[in-house]
N, C-alpha and C. Protein backbone atom coordinates (compact mmCIF):
# COMPACT_ATOMS: atom_id res chain seq x y z
N MET A 1 89.17 132.07 95.19
CA MET A 1 89.29 131.78 96.61
C MET A 1 88.07 130.98 97.08
N CYS A 2 88.29 129.85 97.70
CA CYS A 2 87.20 129.03 98.21
C CYS A 2 86.62 129.65 99.48
N HIS A 3 85.33 129.37 99.72
CA HIS A 3 84.69 129.91 100.91
C HIS A 3 83.61 128.96 101.41
N ASN A 4 83.66 128.65 102.68
CA ASN A 4 82.65 127.91 103.41
C ASN A 4 82.21 126.61 102.72
N TYR A 5 81.14 126.68 101.94
CA TYR A 5 80.50 125.48 101.38
C TYR A 5 81.00 125.15 99.98
N PHE A 6 82.06 125.81 99.56
CA PHE A 6 82.61 125.57 98.22
C PHE A 6 84.00 124.98 98.33
N PRO A 7 84.32 123.95 97.54
CA PRO A 7 83.48 123.28 96.54
C PRO A 7 82.32 122.52 97.19
N PRO A 8 81.13 122.57 96.59
CA PRO A 8 79.96 121.94 97.21
C PRO A 8 80.08 120.42 97.26
N PRO A 9 79.60 119.81 98.34
CA PRO A 9 79.64 118.34 98.44
C PRO A 9 78.59 117.71 97.53
N ASP A 10 78.74 116.44 97.26
CA ASP A 10 77.78 115.73 96.40
C ASP A 10 76.39 115.71 97.04
N LYS A 11 76.35 115.49 98.35
CA LYS A 11 75.07 115.47 99.07
C LYS A 11 75.04 116.65 100.03
N PRO A 12 74.09 117.58 99.86
CA PRO A 12 74.05 118.79 100.69
C PRO A 12 73.91 118.48 102.18
N PHE A 13 74.58 119.26 103.00
CA PHE A 13 74.43 119.20 104.45
C PHE A 13 74.82 120.56 104.99
N VAL A 14 74.55 120.80 106.27
CA VAL A 14 74.89 122.08 106.88
C VAL A 14 76.24 121.97 107.57
N LEU A 15 77.20 122.74 107.09
CA LEU A 15 78.53 122.73 107.68
C LEU A 15 78.46 123.35 109.08
N ASN A 16 78.81 122.57 110.09
CA ASN A 16 78.69 123.04 111.47
C ASN A 16 79.70 122.34 112.36
N LEU A 17 80.84 122.99 112.55
CA LEU A 17 81.89 122.41 113.41
C LEU A 17 81.48 122.35 114.87
N ALA A 18 80.45 123.11 115.25
CA ALA A 18 80.03 123.14 116.65
C ALA A 18 78.97 122.09 116.97
N SER A 19 78.56 121.32 115.98
CA SER A 19 77.52 120.33 116.20
C SER A 19 77.99 119.24 117.17
N LEU A 20 77.08 118.82 118.04
CA LEU A 20 77.37 117.70 118.93
C LEU A 20 76.92 116.38 118.30
N ASN A 21 76.39 116.47 117.09
CA ASN A 21 76.08 115.27 116.31
C ASN A 21 77.37 114.84 115.62
N ASP A 22 77.86 113.66 115.96
CA ASP A 22 79.16 113.21 115.46
C ASP A 22 79.22 113.17 113.94
N GLU A 23 78.15 112.72 113.31
CA GLU A 23 78.14 112.60 111.85
C GLU A 23 78.26 113.97 111.19
N ILE A 24 77.48 114.94 111.67
CA ILE A 24 77.52 116.29 111.09
C ILE A 24 78.88 116.92 111.32
N ARG A 25 79.41 116.77 112.52
CA ARG A 25 80.71 117.39 112.82
C ARG A 25 81.82 116.77 111.97
N GLU A 26 81.81 115.45 111.83
CA GLU A 26 82.86 114.80 111.03
C GLU A 26 82.72 115.14 109.55
N LYS A 27 81.49 115.25 109.06
CA LYS A 27 81.28 115.69 107.68
C LYS A 27 81.83 117.10 107.49
N SER A 28 81.62 117.95 108.49
CA SER A 28 82.09 119.33 108.41
C SER A 28 83.61 119.38 108.38
N ILE A 29 84.24 118.60 109.24
CA ILE A 29 85.71 118.54 109.26
C ILE A 29 86.23 118.03 107.92
N ASP A 30 85.62 116.98 107.42
CA ASP A 30 86.05 116.39 106.14
C ASP A 30 85.89 117.39 104.99
N HIS A 31 84.78 118.12 104.99
CA HIS A 31 84.55 119.11 103.93
C HIS A 31 85.61 120.21 103.97
N ILE A 32 85.90 120.71 105.15
CA ILE A 32 86.88 121.79 105.27
C ILE A 32 88.26 121.31 104.83
N ILE A 33 88.63 120.10 105.22
CA ILE A 33 89.93 119.56 104.79
C ILE A 33 89.99 119.44 103.27
N LYS A 34 88.90 118.99 102.66
CA LYS A 34 88.87 118.90 101.19
C LYS A 34 88.98 120.29 100.56
N ALA A 35 88.31 121.28 101.16
CA ALA A 35 88.38 122.65 100.64
C ALA A 35 89.79 123.21 100.78
N ILE A 36 90.47 122.86 101.86
CA ILE A 36 91.86 123.29 102.05
C ILE A 36 92.75 122.70 100.96
N LYS A 37 92.58 121.40 100.71
CA LYS A 37 93.39 120.74 99.67
C LYS A 37 93.11 121.33 98.29
N PHE A 38 91.84 121.63 98.03
CA PHE A 38 91.48 122.24 96.75
C PHE A 38 92.08 123.64 96.63
N SER A 39 92.08 124.37 97.74
CA SER A 39 92.68 125.71 97.75
C SER A 39 94.16 125.62 97.41
N GLU A 40 94.84 124.66 98.01
CA GLU A 40 96.27 124.47 97.70
C GLU A 40 96.47 124.15 96.22
N LYS A 41 95.58 123.32 95.69
CA LYS A 41 95.70 122.89 94.29
C LYS A 41 95.58 124.06 93.33
N ILE A 42 94.70 125.03 93.64
CA ILE A 42 94.50 126.16 92.73
C ILE A 42 95.37 127.36 93.09
N GLY A 43 96.23 127.18 94.11
CA GLY A 43 97.15 128.25 94.48
C GLY A 43 96.55 129.33 95.35
N SER A 44 95.43 129.04 95.99
CA SER A 44 94.80 130.01 96.89
C SER A 44 95.36 129.84 98.29
N THR A 45 95.65 130.95 98.95
CA THR A 45 96.30 130.89 100.26
C THR A 45 95.36 131.15 101.42
N LYS A 46 94.07 131.35 101.14
CA LYS A 46 93.12 131.65 102.21
C LYS A 46 91.81 130.89 102.00
N TYR A 47 91.22 130.48 103.13
CA TYR A 47 89.92 129.80 103.09
C TYR A 47 89.15 130.19 104.34
N GLY A 48 87.92 130.66 104.15
CA GLY A 48 87.09 131.06 105.28
C GLY A 48 85.84 130.22 105.40
N PHE A 49 85.39 130.00 106.63
CA PHE A 49 84.15 129.28 106.86
C PHE A 49 83.43 129.88 108.06
N HIS A 50 82.13 129.61 108.14
CA HIS A 50 81.31 130.23 109.17
C HIS A 50 81.55 129.62 110.55
N ALA A 51 81.39 130.45 111.56
CA ALA A 51 81.39 129.96 112.93
C ALA A 51 80.19 129.04 113.12
N GLY A 52 80.18 128.28 114.21
CA GLY A 52 79.18 127.24 114.38
C GLY A 52 77.83 127.69 114.87
N TYR A 53 76.88 126.73 114.86
CA TYR A 53 75.53 126.93 115.35
C TYR A 53 75.33 126.04 116.58
N PHE A 54 74.46 126.50 117.48
CA PHE A 54 74.18 125.73 118.69
C PHE A 54 73.00 124.78 118.50
N PHE A 55 72.68 124.48 117.26
CA PHE A 55 71.64 123.52 116.91
C PHE A 55 71.96 123.02 115.50
N ASN A 56 71.17 122.10 115.00
CA ASN A 56 71.44 121.53 113.68
C ASN A 56 70.34 121.93 112.70
N PRO A 57 70.52 123.05 112.00
CA PRO A 57 69.48 123.51 111.08
C PRO A 57 69.40 122.63 109.83
N PRO A 58 68.20 122.44 109.29
CA PRO A 58 68.09 121.71 108.03
C PRO A 58 68.62 122.55 106.88
N VAL A 59 69.04 121.89 105.83
CA VAL A 59 69.65 122.57 104.68
C VAL A 59 68.73 123.63 104.10
N ASN A 60 67.42 123.33 104.02
CA ASN A 60 66.50 124.24 103.33
C ASN A 60 66.19 125.51 104.12
N GLN A 61 66.72 125.64 105.34
CA GLN A 61 66.49 126.86 106.11
C GLN A 61 67.70 127.79 106.15
N LEU A 62 68.80 127.39 105.54
CA LEU A 62 69.98 128.25 105.54
C LEU A 62 69.70 129.54 104.79
N GLY A 63 70.09 130.66 105.39
CA GLY A 63 69.87 131.96 104.77
C GLY A 63 68.44 132.45 104.89
N LYS A 64 67.59 131.72 105.63
CA LYS A 64 66.18 132.09 105.78
C LYS A 64 65.84 132.17 107.27
N ASN A 65 64.57 132.50 107.55
CA ASN A 65 64.11 132.44 108.93
C ASN A 65 64.08 130.98 109.36
N MET A 66 64.69 130.69 110.50
CA MET A 66 64.81 129.31 110.95
C MET A 66 63.78 128.98 112.02
N GLU A 67 63.34 127.74 112.03
CA GLU A 67 62.42 127.28 113.06
C GLU A 67 63.20 126.92 114.30
N ALA A 68 62.67 127.35 115.45
CA ALA A 68 63.37 127.09 116.71
C ALA A 68 63.54 125.60 116.93
N LYS A 69 64.74 125.23 117.30
CA LYS A 69 65.07 123.85 117.62
C LYS A 69 65.64 123.79 119.03
N HIS A 70 65.74 122.59 119.54
CA HIS A 70 66.40 122.41 120.84
C HIS A 70 67.86 122.80 120.71
N LEU A 71 68.31 123.72 121.55
CA LEU A 71 69.71 124.15 121.50
C LEU A 71 70.58 123.18 122.28
N GLU A 72 71.72 122.88 121.71
CA GLU A 72 72.67 122.02 122.38
C GLU A 72 73.40 122.81 123.47
N ASN A 73 74.08 122.12 124.35
CA ASN A 73 74.84 122.77 125.41
C ASN A 73 75.89 123.70 124.79
N ILE A 74 75.82 124.97 125.13
CA ILE A 74 76.66 125.96 124.46
C ILE A 74 78.14 125.71 124.73
N ASP A 75 78.49 125.45 125.98
CA ASP A 75 79.91 125.21 126.30
C ASP A 75 80.45 123.99 125.56
N LYS A 76 79.64 122.93 125.50
CA LYS A 76 80.08 121.73 124.78
C LYS A 76 80.19 122.00 123.28
N SER A 77 79.26 122.79 122.76
CA SER A 77 79.29 123.12 121.33
C SER A 77 80.53 123.95 120.98
N VAL A 78 80.83 124.93 121.82
CA VAL A 78 82.03 125.74 121.59
C VAL A 78 83.27 124.86 121.68
N GLY A 79 83.28 123.95 122.65
CA GLY A 79 84.41 123.03 122.78
C GLY A 79 84.57 122.15 121.55
N ALA A 80 83.44 121.66 121.02
CA ALA A 80 83.48 120.84 119.80
C ALA A 80 84.02 121.65 118.63
N PHE A 81 83.59 122.91 118.54
CA PHE A 81 84.07 123.77 117.46
C PHE A 81 85.58 123.98 117.56
N ILE A 82 86.05 124.25 118.76
CA ILE A 82 87.49 124.49 118.95
C ILE A 82 88.29 123.24 118.60
N ASN A 83 87.82 122.07 119.06
CA ASN A 83 88.53 120.82 118.74
C ASN A 83 88.55 120.58 117.23
N GLY A 84 87.41 120.81 116.59
CA GLY A 84 87.34 120.64 115.15
C GLY A 84 88.24 121.62 114.41
N PHE A 85 88.28 122.85 114.92
CA PHE A 85 89.14 123.86 114.29
C PHE A 85 90.60 123.45 114.37
N HIS A 86 91.02 122.93 115.51
CA HIS A 86 92.41 122.49 115.64
C HIS A 86 92.72 121.36 114.66
N LYS A 87 91.75 120.46 114.45
CA LYS A 87 91.97 119.35 113.52
C LYS A 87 92.19 119.86 112.10
N VAL A 88 91.33 120.79 111.67
CA VAL A 88 91.48 121.27 110.29
C VAL A 88 92.69 122.19 110.15
N LYS A 89 93.01 122.91 111.20
CA LYS A 89 94.17 123.80 111.14
C LYS A 89 95.46 122.99 111.01
N ASN A 90 95.49 121.83 111.63
CA ASN A 90 96.68 120.97 111.54
C ASN A 90 96.92 120.45 110.13
N THR A 91 95.92 120.54 109.27
CA THR A 91 96.07 120.07 107.89
C THR A 91 96.18 121.24 106.90
N SER A 92 96.16 122.47 107.42
CA SER A 92 96.00 123.63 106.53
C SER A 92 97.25 123.99 105.73
N GLY A 93 98.42 123.56 106.19
CA GLY A 93 99.64 123.83 105.44
C GLY A 93 99.84 125.31 105.16
N THR A 94 99.90 125.67 103.89
CA THR A 94 100.13 127.07 103.50
C THR A 94 98.83 127.87 103.39
N VAL A 95 97.70 127.21 103.62
CA VAL A 95 96.41 127.89 103.52
C VAL A 95 96.03 128.50 104.87
N GLU A 96 95.79 129.79 104.87
CA GLU A 96 95.42 130.50 106.10
C GLU A 96 93.91 130.37 106.30
N LEU A 97 93.49 129.97 107.50
CA LEU A 97 92.08 129.77 107.79
C LEU A 97 91.46 131.00 108.45
N PHE A 98 90.21 131.29 108.08
CA PHE A 98 89.47 132.42 108.64
C PHE A 98 88.09 131.95 109.08
N ILE A 99 87.63 132.46 110.22
CA ILE A 99 86.29 132.14 110.71
C ILE A 99 85.41 133.38 110.55
N GLU A 100 84.26 133.19 109.90
CA GLU A 100 83.36 134.31 109.61
C GLU A 100 82.29 134.46 110.69
N ASN A 101 82.01 135.71 111.03
CA ASN A 101 80.95 136.00 112.00
C ASN A 101 79.58 135.66 111.42
N ASN A 102 78.72 135.11 112.27
CA ASN A 102 77.35 134.79 111.86
C ASN A 102 76.45 136.01 111.95
N VAL A 103 75.29 135.91 111.33
CA VAL A 103 74.31 137.00 111.36
C VAL A 103 73.11 136.58 112.20
N LEU A 104 72.64 137.49 113.05
CA LEU A 104 71.45 137.24 113.87
C LEU A 104 70.36 138.21 113.44
N SER A 105 69.38 137.72 112.71
CA SER A 105 68.27 138.57 112.28
C SER A 105 67.26 138.71 113.40
N GLU A 106 66.44 139.74 113.30
CA GLU A 106 65.38 139.95 114.29
C GLU A 106 64.42 138.77 114.31
N ALA A 107 64.11 138.24 113.13
CA ALA A 107 63.18 137.11 113.04
C ALA A 107 63.72 135.88 113.77
N ASN A 108 64.99 135.57 113.56
CA ASN A 108 65.57 134.40 114.23
C ASN A 108 65.74 134.63 115.72
N TYR A 109 66.03 135.86 116.12
CA TYR A 109 66.16 136.17 117.55
C TYR A 109 64.82 135.98 118.25
N LYS A 110 63.75 136.42 117.61
CA LYS A 110 62.41 136.26 118.19
C LYS A 110 62.01 134.79 118.21
N GLU A 111 62.37 134.06 117.17
CA GLU A 111 62.00 132.65 117.07
C GLU A 111 62.66 131.82 118.17
N PHE A 112 63.94 132.09 118.42
CA PHE A 112 64.68 131.29 119.41
C PHE A 112 64.62 131.89 120.81
N GLY A 113 64.44 133.19 120.91
CA GLY A 113 64.43 133.84 122.21
C GLY A 113 65.81 133.96 122.82
N CYS A 114 66.84 133.75 122.01
CA CYS A 114 68.22 133.83 122.46
C CYS A 114 69.12 133.87 121.22
N ILE A 115 70.42 133.86 121.43
CA ILE A 115 71.36 133.85 120.31
C ILE A 115 71.77 132.40 120.04
N PRO A 116 71.33 131.82 118.93
CA PRO A 116 71.62 130.40 118.67
C PRO A 116 72.86 130.14 117.83
N PHE A 117 73.67 131.19 117.62
CA PHE A 117 74.86 131.06 116.78
C PHE A 117 76.11 131.53 117.51
N MET A 118 77.24 130.99 117.12
CA MET A 118 78.53 131.48 117.61
C MET A 118 78.91 132.76 116.87
N LEU A 119 79.74 133.56 117.49
CA LEU A 119 80.46 134.66 116.86
C LEU A 119 79.55 135.63 116.11
N CYS A 120 78.68 136.29 116.86
CA CYS A 120 77.80 137.29 116.26
C CYS A 120 78.25 138.72 116.58
N THR A 121 78.83 138.94 117.74
CA THR A 121 79.16 140.28 118.21
C THR A 121 80.64 140.41 118.54
N SER A 122 81.05 141.64 118.83
CA SER A 122 82.44 141.85 119.24
C SER A 122 82.74 141.13 120.54
N ASN A 123 81.78 141.10 121.45
CA ASN A 123 81.97 140.40 122.71
C ASN A 123 82.19 138.91 122.47
N ASP A 124 81.43 138.34 121.53
CA ASP A 124 81.63 136.93 121.16
C ASP A 124 83.04 136.70 120.63
N TYR A 125 83.51 137.64 119.81
CA TYR A 125 84.85 137.51 119.23
C TYR A 125 85.91 137.46 120.32
N TYR A 126 85.86 138.42 121.25
CA TYR A 126 86.90 138.49 122.27
C TYR A 126 86.85 137.27 123.21
N LYS A 127 85.65 136.77 123.49
CA LYS A 127 85.54 135.57 124.33
C LYS A 127 86.13 134.35 123.63
N LEU A 128 85.81 134.19 122.34
CA LEU A 128 86.33 133.04 121.60
C LEU A 128 87.83 133.15 121.41
N LYS A 129 88.31 134.36 121.21
CA LYS A 129 89.74 134.58 120.99
C LYS A 129 90.55 134.19 122.22
N GLU A 130 89.94 134.29 123.41
CA GLU A 130 90.62 133.87 124.63
C GLU A 130 90.82 132.36 124.67
N GLN A 131 89.97 131.63 123.93
CA GLN A 131 90.01 130.16 123.96
C GLN A 131 90.77 129.54 122.80
N VAL A 132 90.82 130.26 121.68
CA VAL A 132 91.48 129.69 120.49
C VAL A 132 92.00 130.83 119.63
N ASN A 133 93.18 130.64 119.07
CA ASN A 133 93.77 131.66 118.20
C ASN A 133 93.25 131.46 116.78
N PHE A 134 92.56 132.44 116.25
CA PHE A 134 92.00 132.32 114.90
C PHE A 134 91.99 133.67 114.20
N ASN A 135 91.88 133.61 112.87
CA ASN A 135 91.75 134.82 112.06
C ASN A 135 90.28 135.10 111.81
N LEU A 136 89.90 136.36 111.89
CA LEU A 136 88.51 136.75 111.70
C LEU A 136 88.24 137.16 110.25
N LEU A 137 87.23 136.54 109.66
CA LEU A 137 86.67 137.03 108.40
C LEU A 137 85.45 137.85 108.80
N LEU A 138 85.54 139.16 108.67
CA LEU A 138 84.47 140.03 109.15
C LEU A 138 83.49 140.34 108.02
N ASP A 139 82.27 139.81 108.15
CA ASP A 139 81.20 140.15 107.23
C ASP A 139 80.49 141.37 107.81
N ILE A 140 80.72 142.52 107.19
CA ILE A 140 80.22 143.78 107.73
C ILE A 140 78.70 143.86 107.67
N ALA A 141 78.11 143.30 106.64
CA ALA A 141 76.65 143.30 106.53
C ALA A 141 76.02 142.42 107.60
N HIS A 142 76.64 141.28 107.90
CA HIS A 142 76.17 140.44 109.00
C HIS A 142 76.15 141.24 110.29
N LEU A 143 77.22 141.99 110.52
CA LEU A 143 77.35 142.75 111.76
C LEU A 143 76.30 143.85 111.85
N LYS A 144 75.95 144.45 110.71
CA LYS A 144 74.92 145.50 110.70
C LYS A 144 73.59 144.94 111.17
N VAL A 145 73.20 143.78 110.64
CA VAL A 145 71.93 143.17 111.03
C VAL A 145 71.95 142.77 112.50
N THR A 146 73.02 142.11 112.92
CA THR A 146 73.14 141.67 114.31
C THR A 146 73.07 142.84 115.27
N SER A 147 73.75 143.92 114.94
CA SER A 147 73.77 145.10 115.80
C SER A 147 72.36 145.67 115.98
N LYS A 148 71.61 145.77 114.89
CA LYS A 148 70.24 146.29 114.98
C LYS A 148 69.36 145.35 115.80
N THR A 149 69.52 144.06 115.58
CA THR A 149 68.72 143.07 116.30
C THR A 149 68.92 143.17 117.81
N LEU A 150 70.18 143.34 118.23
CA LEU A 150 70.52 143.34 119.65
C LEU A 150 70.58 144.73 120.26
N GLY A 151 70.29 145.76 119.47
CA GLY A 151 70.32 147.13 119.99
C GLY A 151 71.72 147.63 120.27
N LEU A 152 72.70 147.12 119.51
CA LEU A 152 74.08 147.54 119.66
C LEU A 152 74.40 148.65 118.66
N ASN A 153 75.41 149.45 118.96
CA ASN A 153 75.85 150.49 118.05
C ASN A 153 76.70 149.87 116.95
N PHE A 154 76.19 149.92 115.73
CA PHE A 154 76.87 149.27 114.61
C PHE A 154 78.28 149.80 114.40
N GLU A 155 78.44 151.11 114.43
CA GLU A 155 79.76 151.68 114.19
C GLU A 155 80.74 151.27 115.27
N SER A 156 80.30 151.24 116.52
CA SER A 156 81.18 150.82 117.61
C SER A 156 81.60 149.37 117.44
N GLU A 157 80.63 148.51 117.09
CA GLU A 157 80.93 147.10 116.85
C GLU A 157 81.92 146.95 115.70
N LEU A 158 81.67 147.70 114.63
CA LEU A 158 82.51 147.61 113.44
C LEU A 158 83.94 148.05 113.73
N PHE A 159 84.09 149.19 114.37
CA PHE A 159 85.44 149.70 114.61
C PHE A 159 86.18 148.87 115.66
N SER A 160 85.42 148.17 116.52
CA SER A 160 86.05 147.27 117.48
C SER A 160 86.63 146.05 116.77
N LEU A 161 85.91 145.54 115.76
CA LEU A 161 86.31 144.29 115.12
C LEU A 161 87.21 144.47 113.90
N ILE A 162 87.04 145.57 113.17
CA ILE A 162 87.77 145.72 111.91
C ILE A 162 89.27 145.73 112.11
N GLN A 163 89.72 146.18 113.28
CA GLN A 163 91.16 146.21 113.55
C GLN A 163 91.75 144.81 113.67
N HIS A 164 90.89 143.81 113.86
CA HIS A 164 91.36 142.42 114.00
C HIS A 164 91.14 141.60 112.73
N ALA A 165 90.64 142.23 111.68
CA ALA A 165 90.30 141.49 110.46
C ALA A 165 91.05 142.06 109.26
N ASP A 166 91.75 141.19 108.54
CA ASP A 166 92.36 141.64 107.28
C ASP A 166 91.69 140.98 106.08
N TYR A 167 90.51 140.40 106.32
CA TYR A 167 89.70 139.81 105.26
C TYR A 167 88.26 140.16 105.58
N VAL A 168 87.57 140.85 104.66
CA VAL A 168 86.21 141.32 104.94
C VAL A 168 85.27 141.03 103.77
N HIS A 169 83.99 140.88 104.09
CA HIS A 169 82.92 140.81 103.10
C HIS A 169 82.10 142.09 103.24
N ILE A 170 81.74 142.69 102.11
CA ILE A 170 80.98 143.93 102.13
C ILE A 170 79.74 143.82 101.25
N SER A 171 78.61 144.22 101.81
CA SER A 171 77.36 144.45 101.08
C SER A 171 76.52 145.35 101.97
N ASP A 172 75.30 145.62 101.58
CA ASP A 172 74.45 146.47 102.41
C ASP A 172 73.10 145.80 102.62
N ASN A 173 72.34 146.32 103.57
CA ASN A 173 71.01 145.82 103.86
C ASN A 173 70.26 146.85 104.70
N ASP A 174 69.02 146.52 105.06
CA ASP A 174 68.20 147.44 105.85
C ASP A 174 68.35 147.23 107.35
N GLY A 175 69.25 146.34 107.75
CA GLY A 175 69.44 146.04 109.16
C GLY A 175 68.47 144.99 109.69
N ILE A 176 67.50 144.61 108.87
CA ILE A 176 66.50 143.63 109.28
C ILE A 176 66.90 142.22 108.84
N SER A 177 67.38 142.12 107.61
CA SER A 177 67.81 140.82 107.09
C SER A 177 69.05 141.00 106.23
N ASP A 178 69.81 139.94 106.09
CA ASP A 178 71.06 139.97 105.31
C ASP A 178 70.72 139.78 103.84
N SER A 179 70.40 140.88 103.16
CA SER A 179 69.86 140.82 101.81
C SER A 179 70.90 141.04 100.72
N ASN A 180 72.15 141.29 101.09
CA ASN A 180 73.25 141.45 100.11
C ASN A 180 72.94 142.50 99.04
N LYS A 181 72.49 143.65 99.50
CA LYS A 181 72.16 144.75 98.60
C LYS A 181 73.42 145.49 98.14
N PRO A 182 73.31 146.23 97.02
CA PRO A 182 74.45 146.99 96.52
C PRO A 182 74.87 148.10 97.48
N ILE A 183 76.10 148.58 97.30
CA ILE A 183 76.61 149.72 98.05
C ILE A 183 76.34 150.98 97.23
N GLU A 184 75.37 151.77 97.66
CA GLU A 184 75.00 152.98 96.93
C GLU A 184 75.93 154.13 97.29
N ARG A 185 76.11 155.05 96.34
CA ARG A 185 77.04 156.16 96.54
C ARG A 185 76.64 157.07 97.70
N ASP A 186 75.31 157.22 97.91
CA ASP A 186 74.83 158.11 98.97
C ASP A 186 74.39 157.35 100.22
N SER A 187 74.81 156.09 100.34
CA SER A 187 74.36 155.27 101.46
C SER A 187 75.12 155.58 102.75
N GLU A 188 74.44 155.32 103.86
CA GLU A 188 75.08 155.46 105.17
C GLU A 188 76.23 154.48 105.32
N MET A 189 76.07 153.29 104.75
CA MET A 189 77.12 152.28 104.84
C MET A 189 78.42 152.79 104.23
N LEU A 190 78.35 153.39 103.05
CA LEU A 190 79.56 153.89 102.40
C LEU A 190 80.21 154.99 103.22
N GLN A 191 79.41 155.85 103.82
CA GLN A 191 79.96 156.92 104.64
C GLN A 191 80.71 156.35 105.85
N ILE A 192 80.16 155.30 106.44
CA ILE A 192 80.81 154.66 107.59
C ILE A 192 82.12 154.00 107.16
N LEU A 193 82.09 153.33 106.01
CA LEU A 193 83.28 152.62 105.54
C LEU A 193 84.42 153.56 105.18
N LYS A 194 84.09 154.80 104.86
CA LYS A 194 85.13 155.78 104.53
C LYS A 194 86.09 156.01 105.69
N GLY A 195 85.65 155.71 106.90
CA GLY A 195 86.49 155.92 108.08
C GLY A 195 87.43 154.78 108.38
N ILE A 196 87.51 153.80 107.48
CA ILE A 196 88.33 152.60 107.70
C ILE A 196 89.43 152.51 106.64
N ASP A 197 90.61 152.12 107.07
CA ASP A 197 91.73 151.91 106.15
C ASP A 197 91.68 150.47 105.64
N PHE A 198 91.34 150.29 104.38
CA PHE A 198 91.25 148.96 103.77
C PHE A 198 92.48 148.61 102.95
N SER A 199 93.51 149.42 103.02
CA SER A 199 94.65 149.26 102.10
C SER A 199 95.37 147.92 102.24
N LYS A 200 95.31 147.31 103.42
CA LYS A 200 96.00 146.04 103.63
C LYS A 200 95.02 144.89 103.88
N LYS A 201 93.77 145.09 103.46
CA LYS A 201 92.74 144.08 103.69
C LYS A 201 92.28 143.45 102.37
N ILE A 202 91.91 142.19 102.44
CA ILE A 202 91.26 141.53 101.31
C ILE A 202 89.77 141.82 101.40
N VAL A 203 89.20 142.31 100.31
CA VAL A 203 87.79 142.70 100.31
C VAL A 203 87.02 141.90 99.27
N THR A 204 85.95 141.24 99.72
CA THR A 204 85.02 140.57 98.81
C THR A 204 83.73 141.37 98.79
N ILE A 205 83.29 141.78 97.60
CA ILE A 205 82.01 142.46 97.46
C ILE A 205 80.94 141.38 97.28
N GLU A 206 80.14 141.18 98.30
CA GLU A 206 79.18 140.06 98.33
C GLU A 206 77.77 140.56 98.02
N VAL A 207 77.60 141.12 96.84
CA VAL A 207 76.33 141.69 96.41
C VAL A 207 75.63 140.73 95.46
N TYR A 208 74.35 140.45 95.74
CA TYR A 208 73.54 139.59 94.87
C TYR A 208 72.52 140.46 94.15
N ASP A 209 72.83 140.85 92.94
CA ASP A 209 71.97 141.77 92.21
C ASP A 209 72.32 141.72 90.73
N GLU A 210 71.69 142.58 89.95
CA GLU A 210 72.02 142.68 88.54
C GLU A 210 73.47 143.11 88.38
N ILE A 211 74.08 142.69 87.28
CA ILE A 211 75.51 142.93 87.09
C ILE A 211 75.85 144.41 87.12
N ASN A 212 74.98 145.28 86.59
CA ASN A 212 75.26 146.72 86.61
C ASN A 212 75.33 147.26 88.03
N ASN A 213 74.47 146.74 88.91
CA ASN A 213 74.49 147.18 90.31
C ASN A 213 75.72 146.66 91.04
N ILE A 214 76.17 145.48 90.67
CA ILE A 214 77.40 144.95 91.25
C ILE A 214 78.59 145.80 90.82
N ILE A 215 78.63 146.16 89.55
CA ILE A 215 79.70 147.02 89.04
C ILE A 215 79.67 148.38 89.72
N ASN A 216 78.48 148.94 89.91
CA ASN A 216 78.36 150.23 90.59
C ASN A 216 78.86 150.14 92.02
N SER A 217 78.57 149.03 92.70
CA SER A 217 79.06 148.84 94.07
C SER A 217 80.58 148.83 94.08
N TYR A 218 81.16 148.10 93.13
CA TYR A 218 82.61 148.04 93.02
C TYR A 218 83.19 149.42 92.79
N GLU A 219 82.61 150.19 91.89
CA GLU A 219 83.12 151.52 91.59
C GLU A 219 82.97 152.46 92.77
N ASN A 220 81.84 152.37 93.47
CA ASN A 220 81.64 153.22 94.65
C ASN A 220 82.67 152.91 95.74
N LEU A 221 82.95 151.63 95.93
CA LEU A 221 83.95 151.24 96.92
C LEU A 221 85.35 151.61 96.45
N LEU A 222 85.63 151.36 95.19
CA LEU A 222 86.96 151.65 94.65
C LEU A 222 87.27 153.14 94.73
N ASN A 223 86.31 153.97 94.40
CA ASN A 223 86.54 155.41 94.35
C ASN A 223 86.55 156.07 95.73
N ASN A 224 85.98 155.38 96.72
CA ASN A 224 85.84 156.01 98.03
C ASN A 224 86.66 155.38 99.15
N ILE A 225 86.88 154.07 99.10
CA ILE A 225 87.60 153.45 100.22
C ILE A 225 88.75 152.55 99.80
N LEU A 226 88.76 152.08 98.55
CA LEU A 226 89.77 151.11 98.14
C LEU A 226 90.90 151.73 97.32
N CYS A 227 90.80 153.02 97.03
CA CYS A 227 91.81 153.66 96.19
C CYS A 227 93.05 154.03 97.02
């Protein structure tokens, strides 16, 4: 299953449908359309990509603490994202599109002094849903970090959004940064996830660790929530 920046372009750039920079936005649209066509070619029926940013981050800052930049007009950025989404959706054919929630770390929140990304919270989801019909790819670890950063109740946010998502990413972290840690058997995350019915959801285990820890995460999830 393709996701966001895969297949990777020849020349790296930051995929951002919300950019008010015409070149970046058109590159983003073109990349997504190519990913859709590739998905069709390999028989994949789903493709997810991240919600937009209200600024244009450099490639080398993705997944890291970002330096504050001038934020573009939020309403115009959201409008650009929606227009771009409609363009790619019109080409999607049998491929179902999903938009993934962004993560807001404490470091980035302090750096910008505001929320510089689309679709971080449940409130963001419901507001965007009023403007455009889309499928949610819920990254639970992203939501954990965002909730801690903004002082929101993680479980409340999760149970509000999970009912609208049939495609999820799962990993764990300390709530400070999105570190893609394994799901431990005695972790608070696993206990919370036990309260959710995943039987009709697509689950990606997004753990970046040694293979044994990835296997343990799979087994912990399989034995407790996916069986």
